[in-house]
Amino acid sequence: LYTSLALDGTGRPHISYYDSLNGDLKYARYDGSSWQIVAVDTAGNVGQYTGMALDAAGRPRISYYDLSGANLKYAAFDGATWQLSTPDSTGSVGSHTSLALDGAGRPHISYYDDTGDNLKYARYTGPVWQISTVDSAGLVGTRTSIVLNAAGQPRISYYDSTTGNLKYVSYNGSAWQTSNVGLAGPGNTSLALD
């Protein structure tokens, strides 16, 4: 469940997903002849709402939800081992994640804050994670999808459960600009830039 897909430079697939039988975050990659599968995080019930991207070297990075701790988590493969971190653990946060990497390979994550019913955004600046509440008008922030423009500025699509609208927000370098796209059912969103 909760799959996310990325292709490397040779066009081979990499998939992050939730193993619901064991409650683990897993990762699969096709090496050209067979699938290689590893358990990335097995501490408690983890791995829902995965978002995955590959860095310039083709190494996977995964955002996901820790159901046991109700936290946003992030996994990065350094070529030898998986490095796990918790970008946000304030209240019940981290479901409905989506992940994008900027030109420097740093992660940007959109996700849902279940405690406040808000859309949140985390970005890694190098030494620390910076956390922002992007939209807090009503019950908003599920079904997120994030992409970065050429300048590395985030754009996020998401669902507003209060109004039933699909919403879109963009960061212009100093402020977030939000707009309603229109009425939509509570399905998942997927965002791309031309």
Protein backbone atom coordinates (compact mmCIF):
# COMPACT_ATOMS: atom_id res chain seq x y z
CA LEU A 1 0.00 0.00 0.00
CA TYR A 2 0.91 3.72 -0.24
CA THR A 3 3.32 3.31 -3.14
CA SER A 4 5.51 5.96 -4.72
CA LEU A 5 7.56 5.49 -7.91
CA ALA A 6 10.68 7.08 -9.39
CA LEU A 7 12.86 6.15 -12.37
CA ASP A 8 16.64 6.39 -12.30
CA GLY A 9 18.89 7.62 -15.11
CA THR A 10 18.71 4.25 -16.88
CA GLY A 11 14.91 4.18 -16.67
CA ARG A 12 14.79 1.48 -14.02
CA PRO A 13 12.01 1.68 -11.42
CA HIS A 14 12.39 2.35 -7.70
CA ILE A 15 9.32 1.94 -5.47
CA SER A 16 8.66 2.83 -1.84
CA TYR A 17 5.68 1.18 -0.16
CA TYR A 18 4.02 0.07 3.07
CA ASP A 19 4.07 -3.60 4.02
CA SER A 20 0.72 -3.75 5.87
CA LEU A 21 1.26 -7.35 7.01
CA ASN A 22 4.37 -6.45 9.02
CA GLY A 23 3.86 -2.70 9.46
CA ASP A 24 7.16 -1.85 7.73
CA LEU A 25 8.45 0.68 5.23
CA LYS A 26 9.87 -1.18 2.25
CA TYR A 27 11.81 -0.25 -0.88
CA ALA A 28 12.07 -2.16 -4.17
CA ARG A 29 14.33 -1.52 -7.14
CA TYR A 30 14.71 -3.36 -10.41
CA ASP A 31 18.40 -4.02 -11.23
CA GLY A 32 17.78 -5.11 -14.84
CA SER A 33 17.19 -8.77 -14.14
CA SER A 34 15.39 -9.03 -10.79
CA TRP A 35 13.73 -7.02 -8.04
CA GLN A 36 15.81 -6.17 -4.98
CA ILE A 37 13.64 -5.58 -1.88
CA VAL A 38 14.71 -4.21 1.50
CA ALA A 39 12.92 -3.28 4.71
CA VAL A 40 13.95 0.33 5.37
CA ASP A 41 12.23 0.97 8.72
CA THR A 42 10.72 -1.74 10.93
CA ALA A 43 10.48 0.14 14.26
CA GLY A 44 6.79 -0.04 15.14
CA ASN A 45 4.07 0.43 12.56
CA VAL A 46 5.71 2.65 9.94
CA GLY A 47 5.66 3.32 6.22
CA GLN A 48 2.25 4.70 5.31
CA TYR A 49 1.81 7.61 2.87
CA THR A 50 5.20 7.25 1.22
CA GLY A 51 6.72 9.82 -1.10
CA MET A 52 9.94 9.00 -2.94
CA ALA A 53 12.55 10.79 -5.04
CA LEU A 54 16.03 9.90 -6.27
CA ASP A 55 19.00 12.22 -5.85
CA ALA A 56 21.46 13.03 -8.67
CA ALA A 57 23.36 9.81 -7.94
CA GLY A 58 20.17 7.73 -8.08
CA ARG A 59 20.01 7.16 -4.32
CA PRO A 60 16.49 6.96 -2.84
CA ARG A 61 14.97 9.37 -0.35
CA ILE A 62 11.58 8.56 1.20
CA SER A 63 9.09 10.55 3.27
CA TYR A 64 6.54 8.55 5.23
CA TYR A 65 4.24 8.36 8.22
CA ASP A 66 5.11 6.67 11.52
CA LEU A 67 1.72 5.43 12.74
CA SER A 68 3.09 4.21 16.08
CA GLY A 69 4.60 7.56 16.99
CA ALA A 70 2.25 9.73 14.87
CA ASN A 71 5.32 11.45 13.37
CA LEU A 72 6.62 12.54 9.98
CA LYS A 73 9.69 10.47 9.10
CA TYR A 74 12.34 10.62 6.40
CA ALA A 75 14.76 7.96 5.13
CA ALA A 76 17.85 8.61 3.00
CA PHE A 77 20.16 5.97 1.52
CA ASP A 78 23.80 7.10 1.53
CA GLY A 79 25.04 4.26 -0.69
CA ALA A 80 25.69 1.86 2.20
CA THR A 81 23.07 2.37 4.91
CA TRP A 82 19.69 4.01 5.45
CA GLN A 83 19.72 7.17 7.57
CA LEU A 84 16.40 7.72 9.37
CA SER A 85 15.20 11.01 10.85
CA THR A 86 12.04 12.58 12.27
CA PRO A 87 11.50 16.05 10.74
CA ASP A 88 8.28 16.76 12.68
CA SER A 89 6.89 15.15 15.84
CA THR A 90 4.69 17.98 17.16
CA GLY A 91 1.29 16.45 17.80
CA SER A 92 -0.06 13.91 15.32
CA VAL A 93 1.63 14.82 12.03
CA GLY A 94 3.07 13.28 8.89
CA SER A 95 0.35 11.53 6.94
CA HIS A 96 -0.39 12.31 3.26
CA THR A 97 3.28 13.05 2.50
CA SER A 98 4.79 14.04 -0.81
CA LEU A 99 8.51 14.57 -1.45
CA ALA A 100 10.63 16.58 -3.86
CA LEU A 101 14.39 17.23 -3.97
CA ASP A 102 15.90 20.58 -4.93
CA GLY A 103 19.00 21.14 -7.07
CA ALA A 104 21.27 20.55 -4.06
CA GLY A 105 19.50 17.27 -3.29
CA ARG A 106 17.80 18.63 -0.17
CA PRO A 107 14.32 17.31 0.64
CA HIS A 108 11.07 19.30 0.62
CA ILE A 109 8.02 17.54 2.09
CA SER A 110 4.34 18.46 2.09
CA TYR A 111 2.15 16.68 4.64
CA TYR A 112 -0.93 16.77 6.83
CA ASP A 113 -1.08 17.91 10.45
CA ASP A 114 -3.89 15.81 11.94
CA THR A 115 -3.79 17.63 15.30
CA GLY A 116 -4.42 21.06 13.79
CA ASP A 117 -6.08 19.92 10.53
CA ASN A 118 -3.49 21.95 8.62
CA LEU A 119 -1.30 21.65 5.53
CA LYS A 120 2.35 21.68 6.59
CA TYR A 121 5.66 21.90 4.76
CA ALA A 122 9.16 20.82 5.85
CA ARG A 123 12.45 21.54 4.16
CA TYR A 124 15.95 20.53 5.12
CA THR A 125 18.36 23.45 5.09
CA GLY A 126 21.51 21.41 5.77
CA PRO A 127 21.82 21.57 9.53
CA VAL A 128 18.12 21.56 10.50
CA TRP A 129 14.56 20.96 9.31
CA GLN A 130 12.45 24.09 8.90
CA ILE A 131 8.72 23.52 9.46
CA SER A 132 5.93 25.80 8.20
CA THR A 133 2.14 25.75 8.46
CA VAL A 134 1.04 26.60 4.91
CA ASP A 135 -2.77 26.57 5.19
CA SER A 136 -4.84 26.45 8.39
CA ALA A 137 -8.21 27.71 7.11
CA GLY A 138 -10.56 24.91 8.12
CA LEU A 139 -9.80 21.23 7.71
CA VAL A 140 -7.15 21.29 4.98
CA GLY A 141 -4.00 19.49 3.85
CA THR A 142 -4.80 15.90 2.99
CA ARG A 143 -3.92 14.24 -0.35
CA THR A 144 -0.85 16.42 -0.92
CA SER A 145 1.43 16.49 -3.95
CA ILE A 146 4.55 18.70 -4.09
CA VAL A 147 6.84 19.80 -6.92
CA LEU A 148 9.55 22.46 -7.10
CA ASN A 149 9.88 25.03 -9.86
CA ALA A 150 13.18 25.84 -11.58
CA ALA A 151 14.11 28.18 -8.71
CA GLY A 152 13.48 25.45 -6.14
CA GLN A 153 10.27 27.05 -4.84
CA PRO A 154 7.52 24.64 -3.72
CA ARG A 155 4.10 24.22 -5.32
CA ILE A 156 1.56 21.99 -3.56
CA SER A 157 -1.83 20.59 -4.52
CA TYR A 158 -4.09 19.29 -1.74
CA TYR A 159 -7.66 18.72 -0.59
CA ASP A 160 -9.78 21.06 1.54
CA SER A 161 -12.26 18.85 3.43
CA THR A 162 -14.18 21.85 4.81
CA THR A 163 -15.21 23.23 1.41
CA GLY A 164 -14.69 20.13 -0.74
CA ASN A 165 -12.26 22.03 -2.95
CA LEU A 166 -9.06 21.01 -4.65
CA LYS A 167 -6.53 23.70 -3.65
CA TYR A 168 -3.17 24.86 -4.93
CA VAL A 169 -0.51 26.86 -3.12
CA SER A 170 2.78 28.29 -4.34
CA TYR A 171 5.68 29.99 -2.58
CA ASN A 172 7.08 33.09 -4.31
CA GLY A 173 10.19 33.45 -2.14
CA SER A 174 8.57 35.49 0.63
CA ALA A 175 4.94 34.36 0.99
CA TRP A 176 2.52 31.53 0.20
CA GLN A 177 -0.21 32.22 -2.37
CA THR A 178 -3.27 29.98 -2.16
CA SER A 179 -6.03 29.45 -4.70
CA ASN A 180 -9.10 27.24 -5.07
CA VAL A 181 -9.01 25.09 -8.19
CA GLY A 182 -12.61 23.95 -7.82
CA LEU A 183 -14.93 21.44 -6.23
CA ALA A 184 -13.55 17.91 -6.11
CA GLY A 185 -14.15 14.62 -4.36
CA PRO A 186 -11.73 13.47 -1.66
CA GLY A 187 -9.42 11.64 -4.06
CA ASN A 188 -5.64 11.84 -4.20
CA THR A 189 -4.04 14.76 -6.00
CA SER A 190 -1.05 14.64 -8.33
CA LEU A 191 0.82 17.76 -9.46
CA ALA A 192 3.21 18.43 -12.35
CA LEU A 193 4.69 21.64 -13.78
CA ASP A 194 5.04 22.29 -17.52
